[in-house]
Structures are given as structure tokens and as C-alpha cells.
Amino acid sequence: MPSVVTTREKIHHPATESLDLATLMRTLGDPVRLDIVRLLADGRPRMCSEISAAMGQPNSTCSYHLKLMREAGITRAKQQGTQRLISLRDEDLEARFPGLVEVLTARL
């Protein structure tokens, strides 16, 4: 009987030093994504379903936004069973662009 090798998908996150301000700002140009940043700014990781409910968006739409945000380096996704917990990479963003998170989360 052949052995079954299971490989765990590694979730790619860009390195802090490779974060690009133009990419971040282009990604956050969508009001829904900016609202997601503000939601995650409290430091509590959330599942996609929680975020989509809070944003009033379908899960598929939320997943799309979260993928773009992760690829830009704004959020971090951590595998937990079949779910992914999403958090803001606030420390990485602050290290690369001091003051950016404060500007993004300010309520005007």
C-alpha cells in the first residue's frame, strides 16, 4: 500500500522589508479594505466569516479582499484547522512605515 504524504499549505506573507507603500495604498484604496483594517486594528484575530458579517459582504467577496490584503502585506493569515485567522500586521507596518497604522485607523 503506498504511503500518503500530506503537505500543509504554507501561507505566503511578504517580508517586512519588502513591503511597498504604493502597493499598500493601492490595495487600501477600496473602502471595504480600509474598513477591514479598522476592524482588525483592535488586535483580535478574526475568521473570514466574522469579517464578512461585519462588512456585510459575502464570504467569497471577503476572501478576495483578504487575499489582496495578505499579498500586499497588510494582514497575516494563520491556519487553524480548516479556518484561517486573519490579523493586521500592525507591528510590521509600523516598523516599515512609522505612523501609517495610526493614519489608517483614524476616524475622521
PDB file of N, CA and C in Angstrom:
ATOM      1  N   MET A   1       0.853  -1.174   0.000  1.00  0.00           N
ATOM      2  CA  MET A   1       0.000   0.000   0.000  1.00  0.00           C
ATOM      3  C   MET A   1       0.902   1.242   0.000  1.00  0.00           C
ATOM      4  N   PRO A   2       0.692   2.183  -0.945  1.00  0.00           N
ATOM      5  CA  PRO A   2       1.541   3.374  -0.998  1.00  0.00           C
ATOM      6  C   PRO A   2       1.276   4.285   0.192  1.00  0.00           C
ATOM      7  N   SER A   3       2.347   4.890   0.658  1.00  0.00           N
ATOM      8  CA  SER A   3       2.175   5.809   1.781  1.00  0.00           C
ATOM      9  C   SER A   3       1.632   7.135   1.261  1.00  0.00           C
ATOM     10  N   VAL A   4       0.813   7.745   2.064  1.00  0.00           N
ATOM     11  CA  VAL A   4       0.215   9.026   1.700  1.00  0.00           C
ATOM     12  C   VAL A   4       0.981  10.121   2.428  1.00  0.00           C
ATOM     13  N   VAL A   5       1.493  11.038   1.659  1.00  0.00           N
ATOM     14  CA  VAL A   5       2.220  12.154   2.246  1.00  0.00           C
ATOM     15  C   VAL A   5       1.306  13.366   2.218  1.00  0.00           C
ATOM     16  N   THR A   6       1.064  13.907   3.377  1.00  0.00           N
ATOM     17  CA  THR A   6       0.249  15.110   3.426  1.00  0.00           C
ATOM     18  C   THR A   6       1.164  16.300   3.603  1.00  0.00           C
ATOM     19  N   THR A   7       0.936  17.282   2.783  1.00  0.00           N
ATOM     20  CA  THR A   7       1.711  18.506   2.905  1.00  0.00           C
ATOM     21  C   THR A   7       0.781  19.624   3.319  1.00  0.00           C
ATOM     22  N   ARG A   8       1.257  20.391   4.219  1.00  0.00           N
ATOM     23  CA  ARG A   8       0.461  21.508   4.697  1.00  0.00           C
ATOM     24  C   ARG A   8       0.779  22.731   3.840  1.00  0.00           C
ATOM     25  N   GLU A   9      -0.251  23.367   3.371  1.00  0.00           N
ATOM     26  CA  GLU A   9      -0.071  24.559   2.555  1.00  0.00           C
ATOM     27  C   GLU A   9       0.564  25.658   3.396  1.00  0.00           C
ATOM     28  N   LYS A  10       1.634  26.222   2.889  1.00  0.00           N
ATOM     29  CA  LYS A  10       2.266  27.342   3.576  1.00  0.00           C
ATOM     30  C   LYS A  10       1.648  28.623   3.026  1.00  0.00           C
ATOM     31  N   ILE A  11       1.191  29.453   3.917  1.00  0.00           N
ATOM     32  CA  ILE A  11       0.572  30.710   3.523  1.00  0.00           C
ATOM     33  C   ILE A  11       1.689  31.740   3.346  1.00  0.00           C
ATOM     34  N   HIS A  12       1.800  32.285   2.148  1.00  0.00           N
ATOM     35  CA  HIS A  12       2.863  33.251   1.856  1.00  0.00           C
ATOM     36  C   HIS A  12       2.506  34.640   2.383  1.00  0.00           C
ATOM     37  N   HIS A  13       3.464  35.238   3.080  1.00  0.00           N
ATOM     38  CA  HIS A  13       3.357  36.617   3.531  1.00  0.00           C
ATOM     39  C   HIS A  13       4.642  37.326   3.121  1.00  0.00           C
ATOM     40  N   PRO A  14       4.551  38.496   2.525  1.00  0.00           N
ATOM     41  CA  PRO A  14       5.771  39.204   2.150  1.00  0.00           C
ATOM     42  C   PRO A  14       6.579  39.608   3.381  1.00  0.00           C
ATOM     43  N   ALA A  15       7.890  39.626   3.231  1.00  0.00           N
ATOM     44  CA  ALA A  15       8.768  40.036   4.317  1.00  0.00           C
ATOM     45  C   ALA A  15       8.542  41.522   4.614  1.00  0.00           C
ATOM     46  N   THR A  16       8.729  41.890   5.870  1.00  0.00           N
ATOM     47  CA  THR A  16       8.516  43.276   6.291  1.00  0.00           C
ATOM     48  C   THR A  16       9.309  44.251   5.433  1.00  0.00           C
ATOM     49  N   GLU A  17      10.572  43.925   5.184  1.00  0.00           N
ATOM     50  CA  GLU A  17      11.424  44.848   4.422  1.00  0.00           C
ATOM     51  C   GLU A  17      11.026  44.976   2.959  1.00  0.00           C
ATOM     52  N   SER A  18      10.184  44.082   2.466  1.00  0.00           N
ATOM     53  CA  SER A  18       9.757  44.170   1.074  1.00  0.00           C
ATOM     54  C   SER A  18       8.405  44.867   0.905  1.00  0.00           C
ATOM     55  N   LEU A  19       7.784  45.296   2.000  1.00  0.00           N
ATOM     56  CA  LEU A  19       6.500  45.986   1.899  1.00  0.00           C
ATOM     57  C   LEU A  19       6.685  47.290   1.140  1.00  0.00           C
ATOM     58  N   ASP A  20       5.790  47.538   0.202  1.00  0.00           N
ATOM     59  CA  ASP A  20       5.880  48.689  -0.687  1.00  0.00           C
ATOM     60  C   ASP A  20       4.701  49.622  -0.433  1.00  0.00           C
ATOM     61  N   LEU A  21       5.005  50.890  -0.138  1.00  0.00           N
ATOM     62  CA  LEU A  21       3.955  51.849   0.208  1.00  0.00           C
ATOM     63  C   LEU A  21       2.944  52.024  -0.922  1.00  0.00           C
ATOM     64  N   ALA A  22       3.402  52.097  -2.166  1.00  0.00           N
ATOM     65  CA  ALA A  22       2.480  52.273  -3.296  1.00  0.00           C
ATOM     66  C   ALA A  22       1.510  51.091  -3.391  1.00  0.00           C
ATOM     67  N   THR A  23       2.014  49.886  -3.183  1.00  0.00           N
ATOM     68  CA  THR A  23       1.160  48.692  -3.220  1.00  0.00           C
ATOM     69  C   THR A  23       0.149  48.718  -2.083  1.00  0.00           C
ATOM     70  N   LEU A  24       0.611  49.083  -0.890  1.00  0.00           N
ATOM     71  CA  LEU A  24      -0.296  49.166   0.265  1.00  0.00           C
ATOM     72  C   LEU A  24      -1.413  50.172   0.009  1.00  0.00           C
ATOM     73  N   MET A  25      -1.045  51.335  -0.470  1.00  0.00           N
ATOM     74  CA  MET A  25      -2.045  52.379  -0.674  1.00  0.00           C
ATOM     75  C   MET A  25      -3.011  52.021  -1.803  1.00  0.00           C
ATOM     76  N   ARG A  26      -2.499  51.385  -2.847  1.00  0.00           N
ATOM     77  CA  ARG A  26      -3.372  50.944  -3.949  1.00  0.00           C
ATOM     78  C   ARG A  26      -4.370  49.906  -3.423  1.00  0.00           C
ATOM     79  N   THR A  27      -3.888  48.991  -2.607  1.00  0.00           N
ATOM     80  CA  THR A  27      -4.759  47.946  -2.050  1.00  0.00           C
ATOM     81  C   THR A  27      -5.800  48.552  -1.113  1.00  0.00           C
ATOM     82  N   LEU A  28      -5.388  49.541  -0.330  1.00  0.00           N
ATOM     83  CA  LEU A  28      -6.304  50.157   0.628  1.00  0.00           C
ATOM     84  C   LEU A  28      -7.170  51.251   0.016  1.00  0.00           C
ATOM     85  N   GLY A  29      -7.068  51.444  -1.301  1.00  0.00           N
ATOM     86  CA  GLY A  29      -7.906  52.418  -1.987  1.00  0.00           C
ATOM     87  C   GLY A  29      -9.366  51.999  -2.028  1.00  0.00           C
ATOM     88  N   ASP A  30      -9.633  50.735  -1.750  1.00  0.00           N
ATOM     89  CA  ASP A  30     -11.010  50.238  -1.703  1.00  0.00           C
ATOM     90  C   ASP A  30     -11.545  50.477  -0.289  1.00  0.00           C
ATOM     91  N   PRO A  31     -12.679  51.162  -0.150  1.00  0.00           N
ATOM     92  CA  PRO A  31     -13.219  51.472   1.180  1.00  0.00           C
ATOM     93  C   PRO A  31     -13.495  50.238   2.052  1.00  0.00           C
ATOM     94  N   VAL A  32     -13.864  49.123   1.433  1.00  0.00           N
ATOM     95  CA  VAL A  32     -14.123  47.900   2.210  1.00  0.00           C
ATOM     96  C   VAL A  32     -12.829  47.423   2.867  1.00  0.00           C
ATOM     97  N   ARG A  33     -11.725  47.466   2.128  1.00  0.00           N
ATOM     98  CA  ARG A  33     -10.444  47.017   2.680  1.00  0.00           C
ATOM     99  C   ARG A  33      -9.971  47.938   3.795  1.00  0.00           C
ATOM    100  N   LEU A  34     -10.190  49.221   3.634  1.00  0.00           N
ATOM    101  CA  LEU A  34      -9.829  50.163   4.693  1.00  0.00           C
ATOM    102  C   LEU A  34     -10.676  49.895   5.939  1.00  0.00           C
ATOM    103  N   ASP A  35     -11.946  49.579   5.753  1.00  0.00           N
ATOM    104  CA  ASP A  35     -12.809  49.223   6.894  1.00  0.00           C
ATOM    105  C   ASP A  35     -12.335  47.936   7.561  1.00  0.00           C
ATOM    106  N   ILE A  36     -11.817  46.989   6.791  1.00  0.00           N
ATOM    107  CA  ILE A  36     -11.283  45.757   7.366  1.00  0.00           C
ATOM    108  C   ILE A  36     -10.072  46.070   8.235  1.00  0.00           C
ATOM    109  N   VAL A  37      -9.207  46.964   7.774  1.00  0.00           N
ATOM    110  CA  VAL A  37      -8.055  47.383   8.589  1.00  0.00           C
ATOM    111  C   VAL A  37      -8.541  47.969   9.906  1.00  0.00           C
ATOM    112  N   ARG A  38      -9.529  48.814   9.846  1.00  0.00           N
ATOM    113  CA  ARG A  38     -10.057  49.444  11.066  1.00  0.00           C
ATOM    114  C   ARG A  38     -10.687  48.407  11.994  1.00  0.00           C
ATOM    115  N   LEU A  39     -11.335  47.410  11.428  1.00  0.00           N
ATOM    116  CA  LEU A  39     -11.917  46.338  12.230  1.00  0.00           C
ATOM    117  C   LEU A  39     -10.829  45.536  12.941  1.00  0.00           C
ATOM    118  N   LEU A  40      -9.763  45.232  12.226  1.00  0.00           N
ATOM    119  CA  LEU A  40      -8.687  44.403  12.779  1.00  0.00           C
ATOM    120  C   LEU A  40      -7.737  45.183  13.695  1.00  0.00           C
ATOM    121  N   ALA A  41      -7.861  46.499  13.709  1.00  0.00           N
ATOM    122  CA  ALA A  41      -6.941  47.333  14.488  1.00  0.00           C
ATOM    123  C   ALA A  41      -7.052  47.102  15.995  1.00  0.00           C
ATOM    124  N   ASP A  42      -8.104  46.433  16.441  1.00  0.00           N
ATOM    125  CA  ASP A  42      -8.223  46.161  17.880  1.00  0.00           C
ATOM    126  C   ASP A  42      -7.312  45.025  18.329  1.00  0.00           C
ATOM    127  N   GLY A  43      -6.625  44.392  17.375  1.00  0.00           N
ATOM    128  CA  GLY A  43      -5.659  43.345  17.703  1.00  0.00           C
ATOM    129  C   GLY A  43      -6.235  41.951  17.836  1.00  0.00           C
ATOM    130  N   ARG A  44      -7.543  41.804  17.685  1.00  0.00           N
ATOM    131  CA  ARG A  44      -8.175  40.485  17.817  1.00  0.00           C
ATOM    132  C   ARG A  44      -8.268  39.810  16.452  1.00  0.00           C
ATOM    133  N   PRO A  45      -7.583  38.668  16.280  1.00  0.00           N
ATOM    134  CA  PRO A  45      -7.694  37.927  15.009  1.00  0.00           C
ATOM    135  C   PRO A  45      -9.128  37.460  14.788  1.00  0.00           C
ATOM    136  N   ARG A  46      -9.533  37.452  13.537  1.00  0.00           N
ATOM    137  CA  ARG A  46     -10.900  37.038  13.200  1.00  0.00           C
ATOM    138  C   ARG A  46     -10.885  36.087  12.012  1.00  0.00           C
ATOM    139  N   MET A  47     -11.912  35.253  11.953  1.00  0.00           N
ATOM    140  CA  MET A  47     -12.095  34.382  10.799  1.00  0.00           C
ATOM    141  C   MET A  47     -12.770  35.185   9.691  1.00  0.00           C
ATOM    142  N   CYS A  48     -12.605  34.719   8.478  1.00  0.00           N
ATOM    143  CA  CYS A  48     -13.193  35.396   7.318  1.00  0.00           C
ATOM    144  C   CYS A  48     -14.698  35.580   7.499  1.00  0.00           C
ATOM    145  N   SER A  49     -15.367  34.569   8.027  1.00  0.00           N
ATOM    146  CA  SER A  49     -16.818  34.673   8.197  1.00  0.00           C
ATOM    147  C   SER A  49     -17.199  35.804   9.143  1.00  0.00           C
ATOM    148  N   GLU A  50     -16.397  36.041  10.183  1.00  0.00           N
ATOM    149  CA  GLU A  50     -16.655  37.158  11.098  1.00  0.00           C
ATOM    150  C   GLU A  50     -16.468  38.493  10.389  1.00  0.00           C
ATOM    151  N   ILE A  51     -15.411  38.570   9.590  1.00  0.00           N
ATOM    152  CA  ILE A  51     -15.121  39.809   8.876  1.00  0.00           C
ATOM    153  C   ILE A  51     -16.201  40.079   7.835  1.00  0.00           C
ATOM    154  N   SER A  52     -16.599  39.050   7.103  1.00  0.00           N
ATOM    155  CA  SER A  52     -17.621  39.250   6.070  1.00  0.00           C
ATOM    156  C   SER A  52     -18.949  39.672   6.687  1.00  0.00           C
ATOM    157  N   ALA A  53     -19.291  39.115   7.847  1.00  0.00           N
ATOM    158  CA  ALA A  53     -20.525  39.514   8.524  1.00  0.00           C
ATOM    159  C   ALA A  53     -20.443  40.975   8.972  1.00  0.00           C
ATOM    160  N   ALA A  54     -19.310  41.362   9.517  1.00  0.00           N
ATOM    161  CA  ALA A  54     -19.134  42.741   9.978  1.00  0.00           C
ATOM    162  C   ALA A  54     -19.161  43.735   8.813  1.00  0.00           C
ATOM    163  N   MET A  55     -18.663  43.312   7.655  1.00  0.00           N
ATOM    164  CA  MET A  55     -18.608  44.190   6.486  1.00  0.00           C
ATOM    165  C   MET A  55     -19.881  44.124   5.644  1.00  0.00           C
ATOM    166  N   GLY A  56     -20.749  43.157   5.935  1.00  0.00           N
ATOM    167  CA  GLY A  56     -21.959  42.987   5.137  1.00  0.00           C
ATOM    168  C   GLY A  56     -21.653  42.513   3.732  1.00  0.00           C
ATOM    169  N   GLN A  57     -20.614  41.682   3.599  1.00  0.00           N
ATOM    170  CA  GLN A  57     -20.161  41.172   2.309  1.00  0.00           C
ATOM    171  C   GLN A  57     -20.287  39.647   2.285  1.00  0.00           C
ATOM    172  N   PRO A  58     -20.506  39.048   1.108  1.00  0.00           N
ATOM    173  CA  PRO A  58     -20.487  37.583   1.025  1.00  0.00           C
ATOM    174  C   PRO A  58     -19.084  37.058   1.357  1.00  0.00           C
ATOM    175  N   ASN A  59     -19.004  35.819   1.852  1.00  0.00           N
ATOM    176  CA  ASN A  59     -17.709  35.219   2.191  1.00  0.00           C
ATOM    177  C   ASN A  59     -16.748  35.225   1.005  1.00  0.00           C
ATOM    178  N   SER A  60     -17.257  34.962  -0.198  1.00  0.00           N
ATOM    179  CA  SER A  60     -16.383  34.922  -1.370  1.00  0.00           C
ATOM    180  C   SER A  60     -15.768  36.294  -1.651  1.00  0.00           C
ATOM    181  N   THR A  61     -16.542  37.343  -1.501  1.00  0.00           N
ATOM    182  CA  THR A  61     -16.035  38.702  -1.709  1.00  0.00           C
ATOM    183  C   THR A  61     -15.012  39.053  -0.637  1.00  0.00           C
ATOM    184  N   CYS A  62     -15.317  38.690   0.596  1.00  0.00           N
ATOM    185  CA  CYS A  62     -14.396  38.947   1.701  1.00  0.00           C
ATOM    186  C   CYS A  62     -13.088  38.191   1.496  1.00  0.00           C
ATOM    187  N   SER A  63     -13.165  36.951   1.074  1.00  0.00           N
ATOM    188  CA  SER A  63     -11.957  36.160   0.818  1.00  0.00           C
ATOM    189  C   SER A  63     -11.079  36.824  -0.232  1.00  0.00           C
ATOM    190  N   TYR A  64     -11.696  37.372  -1.251  1.00  0.00           N
ATOM    191  CA  TYR A  64     -10.958  38.072  -2.301  1.00  0.00           C
ATOM    192  C   TYR A  64     -10.227  39.283  -1.721  1.00  0.00           C
ATOM    193  N   HIS A  65     -10.940  40.105  -0.951  1.00  0.00           N
ATOM    194  CA  HIS A  65     -10.319  41.280  -0.330  1.00  0.00           C
ATOM    195  C   HIS A  65      -9.172  40.865   0.589  1.00  0.00           C
ATOM    196  N   LEU A  66      -9.394  39.825   1.390  1.00  0.00           N
ATOM    197  CA  LEU A  66      -8.363  39.379   2.330  1.00  0.00           C
ATOM    198  C   LEU A  66      -7.137  38.828   1.608  1.00  0.00           C
ATOM    199  N   LYS A  67      -7.342  38.183   0.486  1.00  0.00           N
ATOM    200  CA  LYS A  67      -6.206  37.679  -0.294  1.00  0.00           C
ATOM    201  C   LYS A  67      -5.345  38.843  -0.790  1.00  0.00           C
ATOM    202  N   LEU A  68      -5.987  39.856  -1.331  1.00  0.00           N
ATOM    203  CA  LEU A  68      -5.245  41.026  -1.804  1.00  0.00           C
ATOM    204  C   LEU A  68      -4.500  41.706  -0.660  1.00  0.00           C
ATOM    205  N   MET A  69      -5.144  41.795   0.484  1.00  0.00           N
ATOM    206  CA  MET A  69      -4.521  42.444   1.643  1.00  0.00           C
ATOM    207  C   MET A  69      -3.337  41.627   2.168  1.00  0.00           C
ATOM    208  N   ARG A  70      -3.480  40.312   2.176  1.00  0.00           N
ATOM    209  CA  ARG A  70      -2.369  39.450   2.621  1.00  0.00           C
ATOM    210  C   ARG A  70      -1.200  39.565   1.662  1.00  0.00           C
ATOM    211  N   GLU A  71      -1.476  39.524   0.365  1.00  0.00           N
ATOM    212  CA  GLU A  71      -0.414  39.611  -0.637  1.00  0.00           C
ATOM    213  C   GLU A  71       0.304  40.961  -0.610  1.00  0.00           C
ATOM    214  N   ALA A  72      -0.397  42.016  -0.202  1.00  0.00           N
ATOM    215  CA  ALA A  72       0.206  43.343  -0.095  1.00  0.00           C
ATOM    216  C   ALA A  72       1.001  43.489   1.204  1.00  0.00           C
ATOM    217  N   GLY A  73       0.765  42.586   2.163  1.00  0.00           N
ATOM    218  CA  GLY A  73       1.477  42.642   3.437  1.00  0.00           C
ATOM    219  C   GLY A  73       0.727  43.368   4.535  1.00  0.00           C
ATOM    220  N   ILE A  74      -0.554  43.594   4.349  1.00  0.00           N
ATOM    221  CA  ILE A  74      -1.361  44.330   5.321  1.00  0.00           C
ATOM    222  C   ILE A  74      -1.866  43.410   6.428  1.00  0.00           C
ATOM    223  N   THR A  75      -2.220  42.195   6.052  1.00  0.00           N
ATOM    224  CA  THR A  75      -2.754  41.243   7.024  1.00  0.00           C
ATOM    225  C   THR A  75      -1.917  39.973   7.055  1.00  0.00           C
ATOM    226  N   ARG A  76      -2.127  39.206   8.101  1.00  0.00           N
ATOM    227  CA  ARG A  76      -1.491  37.898   8.254  1.00  0.00           C
ATOM    228  C   ARG A  76      -2.618  36.879   8.425  1.00  0.00           C
ATOM    229  N   ALA A  77      -2.478  35.748   7.745  1.00  0.00           N
ATOM    230  CA  ALA A  77      -3.440  34.651   7.875  1.00  0.00           C
ATOM    231  C   ALA A  77      -2.740  33.489   8.564  1.00  0.00           C
ATOM    232  N   LYS A  78      -3.365  32.965   9.587  1.00  0.00           N
ATOM    233  CA  LYS A  78      -2.801  31.838  10.332  1.00  0.00           C
ATOM    234  C   LYS A  78      -3.787  30.679  10.260  1.00  0.00           C
ATOM    235  N   GLN A  79      -3.285  29.552   9.774  1.00  0.00           N
ATOM    236  CA  GLN A  79      -4.121  28.356   9.638  1.00  0.00           C
ATOM    237  C   GLN A  79      -4.507  27.842  11.017  1.00  0.00           C
ATOM    238  N   GLN A  80      -5.800  27.579  11.201  1.00  0.00           N
ATOM    239  CA  GLN A  80      -6.306  26.967  12.428  1.00  0.00           C
ATOM    240  C   GLN A  80      -7.348  25.933  12.003  1.00  0.00           C
ATOM    241  N   GLY A  81      -6.893  24.694  11.879  1.00  0.00           N
ATOM    242  CA  GLY A  81      -7.765  23.649  11.353  1.00  0.00           C
ATOM    243  C   GLY A  81      -8.091  23.951   9.902  1.00  0.00           C
ATOM    244  N   THR A  82      -9.370  24.000   9.591  1.00  0.00           N
ATOM    245  CA  THR A  82      -9.784  24.316   8.221  1.00  0.00           C
ATOM    246  C   THR A  82     -10.024  25.808   8.035  1.00  0.00           C
ATOM    247  N   GLN A  83      -9.872  26.561   9.089  1.00  0.00           N
ATOM    248  CA  GLN A  83     -10.103  28.004   9.041  1.00  0.00           C
ATOM    249  C   GLN A  83      -8.787  28.770   9.029  1.00  0.00           C
ATOM    250  N   ARG A  84      -8.879  30.024   8.678  1.00  0.00           N
ATOM    251  CA  ARG A  84      -7.733  30.926   8.763  1.00  0.00           C
ATOM    252  C   ARG A  84      -8.119  32.111   9.642  1.00  0.00           C
ATOM    253  N   LEU A  85      -7.260  32.377  10.612  1.00  0.00           N
ATOM    254  CA  LEU A  85      -7.452  33.557  11.445  1.00  0.00           C
ATOM    255  C   LEU A  85      -6.698  34.709  10.801  1.00  0.00           C
ATOM    256  N   ILE A  86      -7.377  35.821  10.639  1.00  0.00           N
ATOM    257  CA  ILE A  86      -6.814  36.989   9.974  1.00  0.00           C
ATOM    258  C   ILE A  86      -6.502  38.045  11.021  1.00  0.00           C
ATOM    259  N   SER A  87      -5.296  38.611  10.928  1.00  0.00           N
ATOM    260  CA  SER A  87      -4.918  39.696  11.829  1.00  0.00           C
ATOM    261  C   SER A  87      -4.191  40.775  11.040  1.00  0.00           C
ATOM    262  N   LEU A  88      -4.174  41.962  11.597  1.00  0.00           N
ATOM    263  CA  LEU A  88      -3.474  43.086  10.999  1.00  0.00           C
ATOM    264  C   LEU A  88      -1.989  42.968  11.320  1.00  0.00           C
ATOM    265  N   ARG A  89      -1.147  43.186  10.347  1.00  0.00           N
ATOM    266  CA  ARG A  89       0.310  43.155  10.567  1.00  0.00           C
ATOM    267  C   ARG A  89       0.766  44.526  11.064  1.00  0.00           C
ATOM    268  N   ASP A  90       0.151  44.992  12.127  1.00  0.00           N
ATOM    269  CA  ASP A  90       0.402  46.346  12.591  1.00  0.00           C
ATOM    270  C   ASP A  90       1.852  46.576  13.010  1.00  0.00           C
ATOM    271  N   GLU A  91       2.479  45.605  13.656  1.00  0.00           N
ATOM    272  CA  GLU A  91       3.872  45.782  14.068  1.00  0.00           C
ATOM    273  C   GLU A  91       4.797  45.862  12.857  1.00  0.00           C
ATOM    274  N   ASP A  92       4.560  45.018  11.864  1.00  0.00           N
ATOM    275  CA  ASP A  92       5.369  45.042  10.646  1.00  0.00           C
ATOM    276  C   ASP A  92       5.157  46.348   9.877  1.00  0.00           C
ATOM    277  N   LEU A  93       3.902  46.769   9.785  1.00  0.00           N
ATOM    278  CA  LEU A  93       3.606  48.013   9.081  1.00  0.00           C
ATOM    279  C   LEU A  93       4.231  49.205   9.802  1.00  0.00           C
ATOM    280  N   GLU A  94       4.160  49.191  11.115  1.00  0.00           N
ATOM    281  CA  GLU A  94       4.741  50.287  11.903  1.00  0.00           C
ATOM    282  C   GLU A  94       6.263  50.311  11.774  1.00  0.00           C
ATOM    283  N   ALA A  95       6.874  49.127  11.749  1.00  0.00           N
ATOM    284  CA  ALA A  95       8.328  49.054  11.604  1.00  0.00           C
ATOM    285  C   ALA A  95       8.771  49.595  10.245  1.00  0.00           C
ATOM    286  N   ARG A  96       8.011  49.315   9.221  1.00  0.00           N
ATOM    287  CA  ARG A  96       8.384  49.723   7.859  1.00  0.00           C
ATOM    288  C   ARG A  96       7.968  51.161   7.563  1.00  0.00           C
ATOM    289  N   PHE A  97       6.758  51.544   8.026  1.00  0.00           N
ATOM    290  CA  PHE A  97       6.203  52.871   7.753  1.00  0.00           C
ATOM    291  C   PHE A  97       5.643  53.459   9.049  1.00  0.00           C
ATOM    292  N   PRO A  98       6.506  54.031   9.882  1.00  0.00           N
ATOM    293  CA  PRO A  98       6.061  54.567  11.177  1.00  0.00           C
ATOM    294  C   PRO A  98       4.901  55.552  11.025  1.00  0.00           C
ATOM    295  N   GLY A  99       3.855  55.339  11.817  1.00  0.00           N
ATOM    296  CA  GLY A  99       2.690  56.216  11.810  1.00  0.00           C
ATOM    297  C   GLY A  99       1.603  55.825  10.828  1.00  0.00           C
ATOM    298  N   LEU A 100       1.875  54.882   9.931  1.00  0.00           N
ATOM    299  CA  LEU A 100       0.888  54.519   8.908  1.00  0.00           C
ATOM    300  C   LEU A 100      -0.375  53.922   9.518  1.00  0.00           C
ATOM    301  N   VAL A 101      -0.228  52.999  10.446  1.00  0.00           N
ATOM    302  CA  VAL A 101      -1.407  52.342  11.036  1.00  0.00           C
ATOM    303  C   VAL A 101      -2.288  53.370  11.746  1.00  0.00           C
ATOM    304  N   GLU A 102      -1.656  54.304  12.428  1.00  0.00           N
ATOM    305  CA  GLU A 102      -2.428  55.357  13.117  1.00  0.00           C
ATOM    306  C   GLU A 102      -3.231  56.180  12.128  1.00  0.00           C
ATOM    307  N   VAL A 103      -2.608  56.517  11.003  1.00  0.00           N
ATOM    308  CA  VAL A 103      -3.317  57.286   9.961  1.00  0.00           C
ATOM    309  C   VAL A 103      -4.468  56.464   9.386  1.00  0.00           C
ATOM    310  N   LEU A 104      -4.224  55.178   9.112  1.00  0.00           N
ATOM    311  CA  LEU A 104      -5.245  54.329   8.501  1.00  0.00           C
ATOM    312  C   LEU A 104      -6.431  54.085   9.425  1.00  0.00           C
ATOM    313  N   THR A 105      -6.180  54.049  10.729  1.00  0.00           N
ATOM    314  CA  THR A 105      -7.241  53.716  11.668  1.00  0.00           C
ATOM    315  C   THR A 105      -7.893  54.945  12.294  1.00  0.00           C
ATOM    316  N   ALA A 106      -7.432  56.144  11.931  1.00  0.00           N
ATOM    317  CA  ALA A 106      -8.026  57.366  12.479  1.00  0.00           C
ATOM    318  C   ALA A 106      -9.453  57.517  11.950  1.00  0.00           C
ATOM    319  N   ARG A 107     -10.330  57.844  12.848  1.00  0.00           N
ATOM    320  CA  ARG A 107     -11.727  58.092  12.463  1.00  0.00           C
ATOM    321  C   ARG A 107     -11.890  59.595  12.268  1.00  0.00           C
ATOM    322  N   LEU A 108     -12.103  59.983  11.030  1.00  0.00           N
ATOM    323  CA  LEU A 108     -12.233  61.420  10.730  1.00  0.00           C
ATOM    324  C   LEU A 108     -13.659  61.871  10.764  1.00  0.00           C
TER     325      LEU A 108
END
